[in-house]
Amino acid sequence: MNPLTREWVEKAEGDLDTALRELRARKRPNFNAACFHAQQLAEKYLKAWLQENGFEVPRIHNLTELVAICIHRDGMFALIENDLKGLDGYAVRVRYPGQNATREEAALAVRIAKQVRAFILSHLPD
C-alpha cells in the first residue's frame, strides 16, 4: 500500500474509533457525531482506493459522486452504491440544528460504514 493510501486508511480508522466511542458512550453520547464519522470513514476509504489505484482523488465529500467515480473505474463498486446512499446525508444533515440522529440511526450508520470498510479493504493490498 502506498504511503498516501495508508494515510487515508489511518484517517478513516480514526473516524471509526470516534464513531464507535460515541455509539458506546454512557454519558452524553453524540449520535450525530457517530453518523458523521461513519460517513467520513466511507468517504476516506473510497478515496484510499482511488489513491492506491493511481486515480485522481477529488476534493468532494458527496458519497454518491465518489462511488460513481469508483464505479466508472471498476464496476464492483456498484455492490456498495446503495449502502453509501444511506450514509451520504450524514455529511451535512446532522451537523445543523433541527436534525438529530437516534441511537438506532447511529448504530445502522456505523454498521454500514464497517461493511463499506470491509469491502474496500478486501480490494487494497496489505
Foldseek 3Di string as FASTA:
>chain_A
DDPVLVVLQVVLVVLLVLLVCLLPDPPPRALLSNLQSLLSSLLSLLQSLCVQVVHDRDPDSAQLVSLVVVCVVPVVSVVLNVLNVLSRVSNPQCVDPPDGDDSVSSVSSSVSSVVSVVVSVVVHDD
